[in-house]
PDB file of N, CA and C in Angstrom:
ATOM      1  N   VAL A   1      94.309 118.809 116.435  1.00  0.00           N
ATOM      2  CA  VAL A   1      94.000 117.377 116.319  1.00  0.00           C
ATOM      3  C   VAL A   1      95.251 116.585 116.682  1.00  0.00           C
ATOM      4  N   GLN A   2      95.130 115.723 117.659  1.00  0.00           N
ATOM      5  CA  GLN A   2      96.284 114.941 118.096  1.00  0.00           C
ATOM      6  C   GLN A   2      95.973 113.460 118.119  1.00  0.00           C
ATOM      7  N   LEU A   3      96.934 112.682 117.651  1.00  0.00           N
ATOM      8  CA  LEU A   3      96.840 111.230 117.674  1.00  0.00           C
ATOM      9  C   LEU A   3      98.068 110.689 118.395  1.00  0.00           C
ATOM     10  N   GLN A   4      97.857 109.725 119.262  1.00  0.00           N
ATOM     11  CA  GLN A   4      98.952 109.139 120.026  1.00  0.00           C
ATOM     12  C   GLN A   4      98.931 107.632 119.847  1.00  0.00           C
ATOM     13  N   ALA A   5      99.926 107.114 119.119  1.00  0.00           N
ATOM     14  CA  ALA A   5     100.024 105.678 118.903  1.00  0.00           C
ATOM     15  C   ALA A   5     100.881 105.034 119.985  1.00  0.00           C
ATOM     16  N   SER A   6     100.523 103.813 120.372  1.00  0.00           N
ATOM     17  CA  SER A   6     101.278 103.080 121.376  1.00  0.00           C
ATOM     18  C   SER A   6     101.070 101.585 121.185  1.00  0.00           C
ATOM     19  N   GLY A   7     101.856 100.792 121.921  1.00  0.00           N
ATOM     20  CA  GLY A   7     101.668  99.345 121.918  1.00  0.00           C
ATOM     21  C   GLY A   7     102.714  98.564 121.150  1.00  0.00           C
ATOM     22  N   GLY A   8     103.622  99.258 120.487  1.00  0.00           N
ATOM     23  CA  GLY A   8     104.656  98.549 119.758  1.00  0.00           C
ATOM     24  C   GLY A   8     105.636  97.864 120.687  1.00  0.00           C
ATOM     25  N   GLY A   9     106.479  97.006 120.114  1.00  0.00           N
ATOM     26  CA  GLY A   9     107.468  96.309 120.908  1.00  0.00           C
ATOM     27  C   GLY A   9     108.120  95.204 120.119  1.00  0.00           C
ATOM     28  N   LEU A  10     108.860  94.361 120.839  1.00  0.00           N
ATOM     29  CA  LEU A  10     109.558  93.228 120.234  1.00  0.00           C
ATOM     30  C   LEU A  10     108.758  91.960 120.491  1.00  0.00           C
ATOM     31  N   VAL A  11     108.513  91.189 119.441  1.00  0.00           N
ATOM     32  CA  VAL A  11     107.750  89.955 119.558  1.00  0.00           C
ATOM     33  C   VAL A  11     108.348  88.911 118.618  1.00  0.00           C
ATOM     34  N   GLN A  12     108.228  87.655 118.995  1.00  0.00           N
ATOM     35  CA  GLN A  12     108.723  86.578 118.137  1.00  0.00           C
ATOM     36  C   GLN A  12     107.733  86.293 117.011  1.00  0.00           C
ATOM     37  N   ALA A  13     108.254  85.772 115.924  1.00  0.00           N
ATOM     38  CA  ALA A  13     107.394  85.388 114.818  1.00  0.00           C
ATOM     39  C   ALA A  13     106.302  84.444 115.306  1.00  0.00           C
ATOM     40  N   GLY A  14     105.092  84.680 114.817  1.00  0.00           N
ATOM     41  CA  GLY A  14     103.953  83.899 115.258  1.00  0.00           C
ATOM     42  C   GLY A  14     103.209  84.502 116.432  1.00  0.00           C
ATOM     43  N   GLY A  15     103.793  85.506 117.041  1.00  0.00           N
ATOM     44  CA  GLY A  15     103.186  86.134 118.204  1.00  0.00           C
ATOM     45  C   GLY A  15     102.162  87.192 117.839  1.00  0.00           C
ATOM     46  N   SER A  16     101.668  87.879 118.873  1.00  0.00           N
ATOM     47  CA  SER A  16     100.621  88.876 118.701  1.00  0.00           C
ATOM     48  C   SER A  16     100.976  90.169 119.423  1.00  0.00           C
ATOM     49  N   LEU A  17     100.424  91.261 118.934  1.00  0.00           N
ATOM     50  CA  LEU A  17     100.532  92.563 119.571  1.00  0.00           C
ATOM     51  C   LEU A  17      99.247  93.335 119.288  1.00  0.00           C
ATOM     52  N   ARG A  18      98.917  94.273 120.184  1.00  0.00           N
ATOM     53  CA  ARG A  18      97.802  95.162 119.913  1.00  0.00           C
ATOM     54  C   ARG A  18      98.284  96.605 119.986  1.00  0.00           C
ATOM     55  N   LEU A  19      98.114  97.306 118.901  1.00  0.00           N
ATOM     56  CA  LEU A  19      98.448  98.718 118.853  1.00  0.00           C
ATOM     57  C   LEU A  19      97.212  99.540 119.184  1.00  0.00           C
ATOM     58  N   SER A  20      97.452 100.680 119.809  1.00  0.00           N
ATOM     59  CA  SER A  20      96.376 101.601 120.139  1.00  0.00           C
ATOM     60  C   SER A  20      96.677 102.973 119.569  1.00  0.00           C
ATOM     61  N   CYS A  21      95.641 103.714 119.259  1.00  0.00           N
ATOM     62  CA  CYS A  21      95.777 105.084 118.779  1.00  0.00           C
ATOM     63  C   CYS A  21      94.720 105.916 119.484  1.00  0.00           C
ATOM     64  N   ALA A  22      95.161 106.745 120.422  1.00  0.00           N
ATOM     65  CA  ALA A  22      94.247 107.594 121.172  1.00  0.00           C
ATOM     66  C   ALA A  22      94.047 108.905 120.435  1.00  0.00           C
ATOM     67  N   ALA A  23      92.802 109.312 120.283  1.00  0.00           N
ATOM     68  CA  ALA A  23      92.477 110.509 119.512  1.00  0.00           C
ATOM     69  C   ALA A  23      91.601 111.451 120.314  1.00  0.00           C
ATOM     70  N   SER A  24      91.623 112.720 119.903  1.00  0.00           N
ATOM     71  CA  SER A  24      90.727 113.680 120.531  1.00  0.00           C
ATOM     72  C   SER A  24      89.293 113.324 120.156  1.00  0.00           C
ATOM     73  N   GLU A  25      88.355 113.693 120.969  1.00  0.00           N
ATOM     74  CA  GLU A  25      86.962 113.292 120.765  1.00  0.00           C
ATOM     75  C   GLU A  25      86.448 113.742 119.416  1.00  0.00           C
ATOM     76  N   ARG A  26      86.749 114.961 119.028  1.00  0.00           N
ATOM     77  CA  ARG A  26      86.235 115.456 117.759  1.00  0.00           C
ATOM     78  C   ARG A  26      86.741 114.613 116.606  1.00  0.00           C
ATOM     79  N   THR A  27      88.039 114.304 116.659  1.00  0.00           N
ATOM     80  CA  THR A  27      88.626 113.485 115.601  1.00  0.00           C
ATOM     81  C   THR A  27      87.941 112.131 115.528  1.00  0.00           C
ATOM     82  N   PHE A  28      87.778 111.542 116.680  1.00  0.00           N
ATOM     83  CA  PHE A  28      87.325 110.173 116.696  1.00  0.00           C
ATOM     84  C   PHE A  28      85.904 110.028 116.209  1.00  0.00           C
ATOM     85  N   THR A  29      85.039 110.897 116.576  1.00  0.00           N
ATOM     86  CA  THR A  29      83.634 110.689 116.261  1.00  0.00           C
ATOM     87  C   THR A  29      83.284 111.023 114.811  1.00  0.00           C
ATOM     88  N   SER A  30      84.052 111.828 114.136  1.00  0.00           N
ATOM     89  CA  SER A  30      83.666 112.241 112.796  1.00  0.00           C
ATOM     90  C   SER A  30      84.640 111.844 111.696  1.00  0.00           C
ATOM     91  N   TYR A  31      85.781 111.248 112.067  1.00  0.00           N
ATOM     92  CA  TYR A  31      86.808 110.970 111.074  1.00  0.00           C
ATOM     93  C   TYR A  31      86.972 109.472 110.828  1.00  0.00           C
ATOM     94  N   ALA A  32      87.288 109.139 109.586  1.00  0.00           N
ATOM     95  CA  ALA A  32      87.788 107.808 109.293  1.00  0.00           C
ATOM     96  C   ALA A  32      89.222 107.721 109.807  1.00  0.00           C
ATOM     97  N   MET A  33      89.671 106.516 110.080  1.00  0.00           N
ATOM     98  CA  MET A  33      91.020 106.351 110.622  1.00  0.00           C
ATOM     99  C   MET A  33      91.717 105.185 109.946  1.00  0.00           C
ATOM    100  N   GLY A  34      93.023 105.241 109.991  1.00  0.00           N
ATOM    101  CA  GLY A  34      93.779 104.189 109.327  1.00  0.00           C
ATOM    102  C   GLY A  34      95.101 103.907 110.007  1.00  0.00           C
ATOM    103  N   TRP A  35      95.657 102.770 109.682  1.00  0.00           N
ATOM    104  CA  TRP A  35      97.007 102.388 110.108  1.00  0.00           C
ATOM    105  C   TRP A  35      97.872 102.245 108.859  1.00  0.00           C
ATOM    106  N   PHE A  36      99.077 102.775 108.958  1.00  0.00           N
ATOM    107  CA  PHE A  36     100.072 102.639 107.909  1.00  0.00           C
ATOM    108  C   PHE A  36     101.371 102.180 108.563  1.00  0.00           C
ATOM    109  N   ARG A  37     102.297 101.678 107.775  1.00  0.00           N
ATOM    110  CA  ARG A  37     103.577 101.271 108.335  1.00  0.00           C
ATOM    111  C   ARG A  37     104.711 101.594 107.379  1.00  0.00           C
ATOM    112  N   GLN A  38     105.880 101.762 107.961  1.00  0.00           N
ATOM    113  CA  GLN A  38     107.059 102.058 107.159  1.00  0.00           C
ATOM    114  C   GLN A  38     108.224 101.226 107.661  1.00  0.00           C
ATOM    115  N   ALA A  39     108.663 100.302 106.824  1.00  0.00           N
ATOM    116  CA  ALA A  39     109.803  99.458 107.146  1.00  0.00           C
ATOM    117  C   ALA A  39     111.090 100.196 106.775  1.00  0.00           C
ATOM    118  N   PRO A  40     112.202  99.813 107.372  1.00  0.00           N
ATOM    119  CA  PRO A  40     113.480 100.475 107.065  1.00  0.00           C
ATOM    120  C   PRO A  40     113.790 100.444 105.577  1.00  0.00           C
ATOM    121  N   GLY A  41     114.081 101.609 105.022  1.00  0.00           N
ATOM    122  CA  GLY A  41     114.440 101.692 103.611  1.00  0.00           C
ATOM    123  C   GLY A  41     113.288 101.586 102.648  1.00  0.00           C
ATOM    124  N   LYS A  42     112.062 101.560 103.163  1.00  0.00           N
ATOM    125  CA  LYS A  42     110.900 101.416 102.283  1.00  0.00           C
ATOM    126  C   LYS A  42     109.939 102.589 102.469  1.00  0.00           C
ATOM    127  N   GLU A  43     109.020 102.728 101.538  1.00  0.00           N
ATOM    128  CA  GLU A  43     108.029 103.772 101.636  1.00  0.00           C
ATOM    129  C   GLU A  43     106.921 103.380 102.617  1.00  0.00           C
ATOM    130  N   ARG A  44     106.264 104.381 103.146  1.00  0.00           N
ATOM    131  CA  ARG A  44     105.124 104.119 104.032  1.00  0.00           C
ATOM    132  C   ARG A  44     104.000 103.485 103.221  1.00  0.00           C
ATOM    133  N   GLU A  45     103.370 102.455 103.813  1.00  0.00           N
ATOM    134  CA  GLU A  45     102.333 101.728 103.094  1.00  0.00           C
ATOM    135  C   GLU A  45     101.077 101.547 103.926  1.00  0.00           C
ATOM    136  N   PHE A  46      99.978 101.377 103.238  1.00  0.00           N
ATOM    137  CA  PHE A  46      98.677 101.167 103.878  1.00  0.00           C
ATOM    138  C   PHE A  46      98.626  99.807 104.562  1.00  0.00           C
ATOM    139  N   VAL A  47      98.011  99.779 105.738  1.00  0.00           N
ATOM    140  CA  VAL A  47      97.801  98.529 106.467  1.00  0.00           C
ATOM    141  C   VAL A  47      96.304  98.254 106.624  1.00  0.00           C
ATOM    142  N   ALA A  48      95.573  99.203 107.211  1.00  0.00           N
ATOM    143  CA  ALA A  48      94.153  98.987 107.473  1.00  0.00           C
ATOM    144  C   ALA A  48      93.432 100.330 107.615  1.00  0.00           C
ATOM    145  N   HIS A  49      92.130 100.299 107.341  1.00  0.00           N
ATOM    146  CA  HIS A  49      91.288 101.489 107.419  1.00  0.00           C
ATOM    147  C   HIS A  49      89.964 101.128 108.069  1.00  0.00           C
ATOM    148  N   ILE A  50      89.404 102.073 108.817  1.00  0.00           N
ATOM    149  CA  ILE A  50      88.080 101.878 109.384  1.00  0.00           C
ATOM    150  C   ILE A  50      87.303 103.166 109.202  1.00  0.00           C
ATOM    151  N   SER A  51      86.050 103.044 108.778  1.00  0.00           N
ATOM    152  CA  SER A  51      85.220 104.221 108.554  1.00  0.00           C
ATOM    153  C   SER A  51      84.828 104.868 109.879  1.00  0.00           C
ATOM    154  N   TRP A  52      84.293 106.093 109.803  1.00  0.00           N
ATOM    155  CA  TRP A  52      83.940 106.792 111.042  1.00  0.00           C
ATOM    156  C   TRP A  52      82.826 106.067 111.789  1.00  0.00           C
ATOM    157  N   THR A  53      82.009 105.312 111.087  1.00  0.00           N
ATOM    158  CA  THR A  53      80.951 104.551 111.745  1.00  0.00           C
ATOM    159  C   THR A  53      81.471 103.246 112.328  1.00  0.00           C
ATOM    160  N   GLY A  54      82.620 102.820 111.834  1.00  0.00           N
ATOM    161  CA  GLY A  54      83.141 101.523 112.251  1.00  0.00           C
ATOM    162  C   GLY A  54      82.558 100.361 111.469  1.00  0.00           C
ATOM    163  N   LEU A  55      81.684 100.660 110.517  1.00  0.00           N
ATOM    164  CA  LEU A  55      80.989  99.592 109.798  1.00  0.00           C
ATOM    165  C   LEU A  55      81.772  99.087 108.596  1.00  0.00           C
ATOM    166  N   THR A  56      82.722  99.887 108.120  1.00  0.00           N
ATOM    167  CA  THR A  56      83.505  99.503 106.954  1.00  0.00           C
ATOM    168  C   THR A  56      84.974  99.413 107.309  1.00  0.00           C
ATOM    169  N   THR A  57      85.591  98.314 106.934  1.00  0.00           N
ATOM    170  CA  THR A  57      87.020  98.138 107.143  1.00  0.00           C
ATOM    171  C   THR A  57      87.678  97.646 105.854  1.00  0.00           C
ATOM    172  N   ASP A  58      88.945  97.987 105.706  1.00  0.00           N
ATOM    173  CA  ASP A  58      89.733  97.526 104.568  1.00  0.00           C
ATOM    174  C   ASP A  58      91.110  97.130 105.070  1.00  0.00           C
ATOM    175  N   TYR A  59      91.722  96.164 104.391  1.00  0.00           N
ATOM    176  CA  TYR A  59      93.032  95.682 104.790  1.00  0.00           C
ATOM    177  C   TYR A  59      93.935  95.509 103.570  1.00  0.00           C
ATOM    178  N   ALA A  60      95.210  95.719 103.787  1.00  0.00           N
ATOM    179  CA  ALA A  60      96.183  95.361 102.767  1.00  0.00           C
ATOM    180  C   ALA A  60      96.200  93.842 102.637  1.00  0.00           C
ATOM    181  N   ASP A  61      96.448  93.358 101.442  1.00  0.00           N
ATOM    182  CA  ASP A  61      96.451  91.914 101.217  1.00  0.00           C
ATOM    183  C   ASP A  61      97.462  91.206 102.114  1.00  0.00           C
ATOM    184  N   SER A  62      98.560  91.886 102.406  1.00  0.00           N
ATOM    185  CA  SER A  62      99.628  91.271 103.187  1.00  0.00           C
ATOM    186  C   SER A  62      99.243  91.006 104.643  1.00  0.00           C
ATOM    187  N   VAL A  63      98.188  91.669 105.132  1.00  0.00           N
ATOM    188  CA  VAL A  63      97.807  91.489 106.539  1.00  0.00           C
ATOM    189  C   VAL A  63      96.402  90.910 106.690  1.00  0.00           C
ATOM    190  N   LYS A  64      95.704  90.759 105.582  1.00  0.00           N
ATOM    191  CA  LYS A  64      94.328  90.276 105.639  1.00  0.00           C
ATOM    192  C   LYS A  64      94.284  88.892 106.292  1.00  0.00           C
ATOM    193  N   GLY A  65      93.361  88.749 107.225  1.00  0.00           N
ATOM    194  CA  GLY A  65      93.235  87.487 107.931  1.00  0.00           C
ATOM    195  C   GLY A  65      94.110  87.378 109.170  1.00  0.00           C
ATOM    196  N   ARG A  66      95.058  88.300 109.325  1.00  0.00           N
ATOM    197  CA  ARG A  66      95.951  88.286 110.495  1.00  0.00           C
ATOM    198  C   ARG A  66      95.755  89.516 111.373  1.00  0.00           C
ATOM    199  N   PHE A  67      95.413  90.633 110.782  1.00  0.00           N
ATOM    200  CA  PHE A  67      95.240  91.886 111.524  1.00  0.00           C
ATOM    201  C   PHE A  67      93.758  92.249 111.561  1.00  0.00           C
ATOM    202  N   THR A  68      93.351  92.894 112.657  1.00  0.00           N
ATOM    203  CA  THR A  68      91.981  93.365 112.800  1.00  0.00           C
ATOM    204  C   THR A  68      91.978  94.795 113.319  1.00  0.00           C
ATOM    205  N   ILE A  69      91.313  95.680 112.598  1.00  0.00           N
ATOM    206  CA  ILE A  69      91.192  97.071 113.022  1.00  0.00           C
ATOM    207  C   ILE A  69      89.842  97.274 113.681  1.00  0.00           C
ATOM    208  N   SER A  70      89.826  98.087 114.716  1.00  0.00           N
ATOM    209  CA  SER A  70      88.572  98.361 115.418  1.00  0.00           C
ATOM    210  C   SER A  70      88.670  99.728 116.082  1.00  0.00           C
ATOM    211  N   ARG A  71      87.539 100.226 116.566  1.00  0.00           N
ATOM    212  CA  ARG A  71      87.533 101.502 117.267  1.00  0.00           C
ATOM    213  C   ARG A  71      86.529 101.429 118.394  1.00  0.00           C
ATOM    214  N   ASP A  72      86.817 102.165 119.474  1.00  0.00           N
ATOM    215  CA  ASP A  72      85.962 102.193 120.651  1.00  0.00           C
ATOM    216  C   ASP A  72      85.623 103.642 120.945  1.00  0.00           C
ATOM    217  N   GLY A  73      84.377 104.016 120.669  1.00  0.00           N
ATOM    218  CA  GLY A  73      83.966 105.395 120.873  1.00  0.00           C
ATOM    219  C   GLY A  73      83.971 105.819 122.320  1.00  0.00           C
ATOM    220  N   THR A  74      83.786 104.889 123.214  1.00  0.00           N
ATOM    221  CA  THR A  74      83.760 105.240 124.646  1.00  0.00           C
ATOM    222  C   THR A  74      85.141 105.597 125.161  1.00  0.00           C
ATOM    223  N   LYS A  75      86.173 105.139 124.449  1.00  0.00           N
ATOM    224  CA  LYS A  75      87.542 105.408 124.881  1.00  0.00           C
ATOM    225  C   LYS A  75      88.300 106.288 123.892  1.00  0.00           C
ATOM    226  N   ASN A  76      87.624 106.725 122.838  1.00  0.00           N
ATOM    227  CA  ASN A  76      88.265 107.557 121.816  1.00  0.00           C
ATOM    228  C   ASN A  76      89.544 106.913 121.302  1.00  0.00           C
ATOM    229  N   THR A  77      89.492 105.638 121.068  1.00  0.00           N
ATOM    230  CA  THR A  77      90.696 104.891 120.718  1.00  0.00           C
ATOM    231  C   THR A  77      90.436 103.935 119.557  1.00  0.00           C
ATOM    232  N   MET A  78      91.420 103.846 118.690  1.00  0.00           N
ATOM    233  CA  MET A  78      91.406 102.876 117.602  1.00  0.00           C
ATOM    234  C   MET A  78      92.460 101.816 117.908  1.00  0.00           C
ATOM    235  N   TYR A  79      92.212 100.590 117.471  1.00  0.00           N
ATOM    236  CA  TYR A  79      93.125  99.492 117.748  1.00  0.00           C
ATOM    237  C   TYR A  79      93.528  98.776 116.466  1.00  0.00           C
ATOM    238  N   LEU A  80      94.684  98.135 116.538  1.00  0.00           N
ATOM    239  CA  LEU A  80      95.092  97.204 115.492  1.00  0.00           C
ATOM    240  C   LEU A  80      95.573  95.947 116.206  1.00  0.00           C
ATOM    241  N   GLN A  81      94.754  94.923 116.165  1.00  0.00           N
ATOM    242  CA  GLN A  81      95.135  93.637 116.736  1.00  0.00           C
ATOM    243  C   GLN A  81      95.903  92.861 115.679  1.00  0.00           C
ATOM    244  N   MET A  82      97.133  92.530 115.996  1.00  0.00           N
ATOM    245  CA  MET A  82      98.008  91.853 115.039  1.00  0.00           C
ATOM    246  C   MET A  82      98.322  90.454 115.548  1.00  0.00           C
ATOM    247  N   ALA A  83      98.078  89.454 114.726  1.00  0.00           N
ATOM    248  CA  ALA A  83      98.339  88.073 115.092  1.00  0.00           C
ATOM    249  C   ALA A  83      99.191  87.413 114.008  1.00  0.00           C
ATOM    250  N   SER A  84      99.742  86.260 114.354  1.00  0.00           N
ATOM    251  CA  SER A  84     100.581  85.514 113.408  1.00  0.00           C
ATOM    252  C   SER A  84     101.626  86.420 112.769  1.00  0.00           C
ATOM    253  N   LEU A  85     102.284  87.185 113.589  1.00  0.00           N
ATOM    254  CA  LEU A  85     103.232  88.171 113.087  1.00  0.00           C
ATOM    255  C   LEU A  85     104.417  87.511 112.397  1.00  0.00           C
ATOM    256  N   LYS A  86     104.896  88.191 111.366  1.00  0.00           N
ATOM    257  CA  LYS A  86     106.019  87.706 110.571  1.00  0.00           C
ATOM    258  C   LYS A  86     107.155  88.737 110.626  1.00  0.00           C
ATOM    259  N   PRO A  87     108.383  88.313 110.390  1.00  0.00           N
ATOM    260  CA  PRO A  87     109.491  89.280 110.382  1.00  0.00           C
ATOM    261  C   PRO A  87     109.261  90.429 109.403  1.00  0.00           C
ATOM    262  N   GLU A  88     108.568  90.162 108.315  1.00  0.00           N
ATOM    263  CA  GLU A  88     108.299  91.224 107.337  1.00  0.00           C
ATOM    264  C   GLU A  88     107.266  92.238 107.819  1.00  0.00           C
ATOM    265  N   ASP A  89     106.654  91.994 108.961  1.00  0.00           N
ATOM    266  CA  ASP A  89     105.757  92.985 109.564  1.00  0.00           C
ATOM    267  C   ASP A  89     106.530  94.034 110.360  1.00  0.00           C
ATOM    268  N   THR A  90     107.829  93.831 110.506  1.00  0.00           N
ATOM    269  CA  THR A  90     108.648  94.792 111.237  1.00  0.00           C
ATOM    270  C   THR A  90     108.621  96.159 110.554  1.00  0.00           C
ATOM    271  N   ALA A  91     108.236  97.179 111.329  1.00  0.00           N
ATOM    272  CA  ALA A  91     108.088  98.527 110.778  1.00  0.00           C
ATOM    273  C   ALA A  91     107.686  99.483 111.889  1.00  0.00           C
ATOM    274  N   VAL A  92     107.746 100.761 111.580  1.00  0.00           N
ATOM    275  CA  VAL A  92     107.114 101.759 112.424  1.00  0.00           C
ATOM    276  C   VAL A  92     105.674 101.888 111.949  1.00  0.00           C
ATOM    277  N   TYR A  93     104.744 101.742 112.881  1.00  0.00           N
ATOM    278  CA  TYR A  93     103.326 101.799 112.547  1.00  0.00           C
ATOM    279  C   TYR A  93     102.770 103.169 112.939  1.00  0.00           C
ATOM    280  N   TYR A  94     102.056 103.777 112.002  1.00  0.00           N
ATOM    281  CA  TYR A  94     101.481 105.101 112.201  1.00  0.00           C
ATOM    282  C   TYR A  94      99.968 105.036 112.113  1.00  0.00           C
ATOM    283  N   CYS A  95      99.295 105.787 112.995  1.00  0.00           N
ATOM    284  CA  CYS A  95      97.863 105.932 112.851  1.00  0.00           C
ATOM    285  C   CYS A  95      97.571 107.301 112.210  1.00  0.00           C
ATOM    286  N   ALA A  96      96.456 107.369 111.532  1.00  0.00           N
ATOM    287  CA  ALA A  96      96.097 108.581 110.808  1.00  0.00           C
ATOM    288  C   ALA A  96      94.596 108.785 110.848  1.00  0.00           C
ATOM    289  N   ALA A  97      94.179 110.033 110.662  1.00  0.00           N
ATOM    290  CA  ALA A  97      92.753 110.353 110.693  1.00  0.00           C
ATOM    291  C   ALA A  97      92.436 111.452 109.684  1.00  0.00           C
ATOM    292  N   ASP A  98      91.253 111.366 109.127  1.00  0.00           N
ATOM    293  CA  ASP A  98      90.781 112.397 108.204  1.00  0.00           C
ATOM    294  C   ASP A  98      89.302 112.165 107.949  1.00  0.00           C
ATOM    295  N   GLU A  99      88.595 113.225 107.601  1.00  0.00           N
ATOM    296  CA  GLU A  99      87.171 113.079 107.306  1.00  0.00           C
ATOM    297  C   GLU A  99      86.935 112.137 106.133  1.00  0.00           C
ATOM    298  N   ARG A 100      87.862 112.129 105.180  1.00  0.00           N
ATOM    299  CA  ARG A 100      87.680 111.324 103.975  1.00  0.00           C
ATOM    300  C   ARG A 100      88.749 110.255 103.852  1.00  0.00           C
ATOM    301  N   GLY A 101      89.323 109.846 104.985  1.00  0.00           N
ATOM    302  CA  GLY A 101      90.399 108.866 104.956  1.00  0.00           C
ATOM    303  C   GLY A 101      89.967 107.546 104.347  1.00  0.00           C
ATOM    304  N   GLY A 102      90.877 106.969 103.557  1.00  0.00           N
ATOM    305  CA  GLY A 102      90.617 105.681 102.946  1.00  0.00           C
ATOM    306  C   GLY A 102      91.851 104.815 103.001  1.00  0.00           C
ATOM    307  N   THR A 103      92.291 104.351 101.852  1.00  0.00           N
ATOM    308  CA  THR A 103      93.440 103.458 101.798  1.00  0.00           C
ATOM    309  C   THR A 103      94.712 104.137 101.288  1.00  0.00           C
ATOM    310  N   LEU A 104      94.637 105.410 100.969  1.00  0.00           N
ATOM    311  CA  LEU A 104      95.788 106.129 100.431  1.00  0.00           C
ATOM    312  C   LEU A 104      96.367 107.103 101.453  1.00  0.00           C
ATOM    313  N   LEU A 105      97.691 107.195 101.486  1.00  0.00           N
ATOM    314  CA  LEU A 105      98.364 108.130 102.390  1.00  0.00           C
ATOM    315  C   LEU A 105      97.866 109.555 102.167  1.00  0.00           C
ATOM    316  N   SER A 106      97.677 109.904 100.913  1.00  0.00           N
ATOM    317  CA  SER A 106      97.299 111.276 100.571  1.00  0.00           C
ATOM    318  C   SER A 106      95.923 111.663 101.084  1.00  0.00           C
ATOM    319  N   GLU A 107      95.143 110.702 101.537  1.00  0.00           N
ATOM    320  CA  GLU A 107      93.793 110.977 102.016  1.00  0.00           C
ATOM    321  C   GLU A 107      93.758 111.380 103.481  1.00  0.00           C
ATOM    322  N   TYR A 108      94.904 111.378 104.135  1.00  0.00           N
ATOM    323  CA  TYR A 108      94.951 111.654 105.571  1.00  0.00           C
ATOM    324  C   TYR A 108      95.740 112.932 105.865  1.00  0.00           C
ATOM    325  N   GLU A 109      95.127 113.784 106.667  1.00  0.00           N
ATOM    326  CA  GLU A 109      95.785 115.027 107.054  1.00  0.00           C
ATOM    327  C   GLU A 109      96.492 114.895 108.395  1.00  0.00           C
ATOM    328  N   PHE A 110      95.933 114.126 109.302  1.00  0.00           N
ATOM    329  CA  PHE A 110      96.448 114.068 110.663  1.00  0.00           C
ATOM    330  C   PHE A 110      97.122 112.723 110.931  1.00  0.00           C
ATOM    331  N   TRP A 111      98.309 112.792 111.541  1.00  0.00           N
ATOM    332  CA  TRP A 111      99.121 111.603 111.765  1.00  0.00           C
ATOM    333  C   TRP A 111      99.627 111.547 113.199  1.00  0.00           C
ATOM    334  N   GLY A 112      99.722 110.328 113.721  1.00  0.00           N
ATOM    335  CA  GLY A 112     100.366 110.106 114.999  1.00  0.00           C
ATOM    336  C   GLY A 112     101.869 109.991 114.811  1.00  0.00           C
ATOM    337  N   GLN A 113     102.592 109.810 115.908  1.00  0.00           N
ATOM    338  CA  GLN A 113     104.043 109.840 115.867  1.00  0.00           C
ATOM    339  C   GLN A 113     104.676 108.502 115.504  1.00  0.00           C
ATOM    340  N   GLY A 114     103.920 107.434 115.499  1.00  0.00           N
ATOM    341  CA  GLY A 114     104.461 106.136 115.146  1.00  0.00           C
ATOM    342  C   GLY A 114     104.899 105.321 116.349  1.00  0.00           C
ATOM    343  N   THR A 115     104.773 104.009 116.223  1.00  0.00           N
ATOM    344  CA  THR A 115     105.227 103.079 117.260  1.00  0.00           C
ATOM    345  C   THR A 115     105.913 101.912 116.562  1.00  0.00           C
ATOM    346  N   LEU A 116     107.077 101.522 117.078  1.00  0.00           N
ATOM    347  CA  LEU A 116     107.909 100.525 116.408  1.00  0.00           C
ATOM    348  C   LEU A 116     107.492  99.106 116.790  1.00  0.00           C
ATOM    349  N   VAL A 117     107.292  98.294 115.768  1.00  0.00           N
ATOM    350  CA  VAL A 117     107.020  96.874 115.944  1.00  0.00           C
ATOM    351  C   VAL A 117     108.183  96.101 115.329  1.00  0.00           C
ATOM    352  N   THR A 118     108.797  95.249 116.132  1.00  0.00           N
ATOM    353  CA  THR A 118     109.905  94.427 115.660  1.00  0.00           C
ATOM    354  C   THR A 118     109.550  92.963 115.859  1.00  0.00           C
ATOM    355  N   VAL A 119     109.571  92.199 114.775  1.00  0.00           N
ATOM    356  CA  VAL A 119     109.236  90.784 114.828  1.00  0.00           C
ATOM    357  C   VAL A 119     110.505  89.985 114.537  1.00  0.00           C
ATOM    358  N   SER A 120     110.925  89.207 115.519  1.00  0.00           N
ATOM    359  CA  SER A 120     112.144  88.414 115.362  1.00  0.00           C
ATOM    360  C   SER A 120     111.818  87.027 114.828  1.00  0.00           C
ATOM    361  N   SER A 121     112.747  86.473 114.073  1.00  0.00           N
ATOM    362  CA  SER A 121     112.517  85.146 113.468  1.00  0.00           C
ATOM    363  C   SER A 121     113.023  84.041 114.374  1.00  0.00           C
TER     364      SER A 121
END
């Protein structure tokens, strides 16, 4: 099972970025998926989750209303559209997948390598 995250970069506060997570077909069609992030000196934290059907989504309070998680079965890809970015959103963002994935790190077995998002003030 392989996950490949991409789309990170440097953006000014208030700007937008879209992260992508490409997954193998088996992973994508049967697994829930999530985004987590880890800022320098901090623990990895939950950002967003999407069910395997795509019908259920959850967000951390800190990103609710600014970030949108989605998945495209035709491209085997999950996305995180990030808007109104703040300097505190700066972190390495990781995508994850698991049959029973939810909002907890411990619920995910498979992880991507991470992509760095830097938001300047």
